[in-house]
Amino acid sequence: MTGLDIVLVFAVILFARLGMRLVSKYIKMKKEDEGEKKRLD
């Protein structure tokens, strides 16, 4: 069971890191889109 726990913890950490990366990319893209809209006005 301990081996499975280690694998699960490792998978959770990897998914958390991937999620953080996707969220930060999304926020950056959103900010850039807002900047473009302001420039067009």
C-alpha atoms as a PDB file:
ATOM      1  CA  MET A   1       0.000   0.000   0.000  1.00  0.00           C
ATOM      2  CA  THR A   2       2.868   2.398   0.726  1.00  0.00           C
ATOM      3  CA  GLY A   3       4.146   2.056  -2.848  1.00  0.00           C
ATOM      4  CA  LEU A   4       0.708   2.971  -4.186  1.00  0.00           C
ATOM      5  CA  ASP A   5       0.525   5.950  -1.785  1.00  0.00           C
ATOM      6  CA  ILE A   6       3.877   7.243  -3.060  1.00  0.00           C
ATOM      7  CA  VAL A   7       2.704   6.928  -6.675  1.00  0.00           C
ATOM      8  CA  LEU A   8      -0.567   8.718  -5.856  1.00  0.00           C
ATOM      9  CA  VAL A   9       1.231  11.570  -4.071  1.00  0.00           C
ATOM     10  CA  PHE A  10       3.628  11.903  -7.027  1.00  0.00           C
ATOM     11  CA  ALA A  11       0.707  11.996  -9.493  1.00  0.00           C
ATOM     12  CA  VAL A  12      -1.159  14.613  -7.418  1.00  0.00           C
ATOM     13  CA  ILE A  13       1.939  16.839  -7.286  1.00  0.00           C
ATOM     14  CA  LEU A  14       2.429  16.550 -11.063  1.00  0.00           C
ATOM     15  CA  PHE A  15      -1.220  17.380 -11.745  1.00  0.00           C
ATOM     16  CA  ALA A  16      -1.071  20.353  -9.358  1.00  0.00           C
ATOM     17  CA  ARG A  17       2.027  21.714 -11.122  1.00  0.00           C
ATOM     18  CA  LEU A  18       0.413  21.229 -14.544  1.00  0.00           C
ATOM     19  CA  GLY A  19      -2.763  22.956 -13.349  1.00  0.00           C
ATOM     20  CA  MET A  20      -0.821  25.915 -11.943  1.00  0.00           C
ATOM     21  CA  ARG A  21       1.034  26.264 -15.259  1.00  0.00           C
ATOM     22  CA  LEU A  22      -2.222  26.214 -17.254  1.00  0.00           C
ATOM     23  CA  VAL A  23      -3.865  28.761 -14.937  1.00  0.00           C
ATOM     24  CA  SER A  24      -0.887  31.131 -15.128  1.00  0.00           C
ATOM     25  CA  LYS A  25      -0.850  30.849 -18.948  1.00  0.00           C
ATOM     26  CA  TYR A  26      -4.610  31.530 -19.050  1.00  0.00           C
ATOM     27  CA  ILE A  27      -4.274  34.618 -16.825  1.00  0.00           C
ATOM     28  CA  LYS A  28      -1.367  35.908 -18.936  1.00  0.00           C
ATOM     29  CA  MET A  29      -3.358  35.432 -22.166  1.00  0.00           C
ATOM     30  CA  LYS A  30      -6.388  37.149 -20.625  1.00  0.00           C
ATOM     31  CA  LYS A  31      -4.285  40.162 -19.592  1.00  0.00           C
ATOM     32  CA  GLU A  32      -2.777  40.393 -23.083  1.00  0.00           C
ATOM     33  CA  ASP A  33      -6.262  40.283 -24.645  1.00  0.00           C
ATOM     34  CA  GLU A  34      -7.412  43.143 -22.400  1.00  0.00           C
ATOM     35  CA  GLY A  35      -4.329  45.151 -23.408  1.00  0.00           C
ATOM     36  CA  GLU A  36      -5.095  44.665 -27.089  1.00  0.00           C
ATOM     37  CA  LYS A  37      -8.692  45.814 -26.598  1.00  0.00           C
ATOM     38  CA  LYS A  38      -7.509  49.006 -24.872  1.00  0.00           C
ATOM     39  CA  ARG A  39      -5.065  49.706 -27.717  1.00  0.00           C
ATOM     40  CA  LEU A  40      -7.799  49.254 -30.347  1.00  0.00           C
ATOM     41  CA  ASP A  41     -10.154  51.758 -28.666  1.00  0.00           C
END
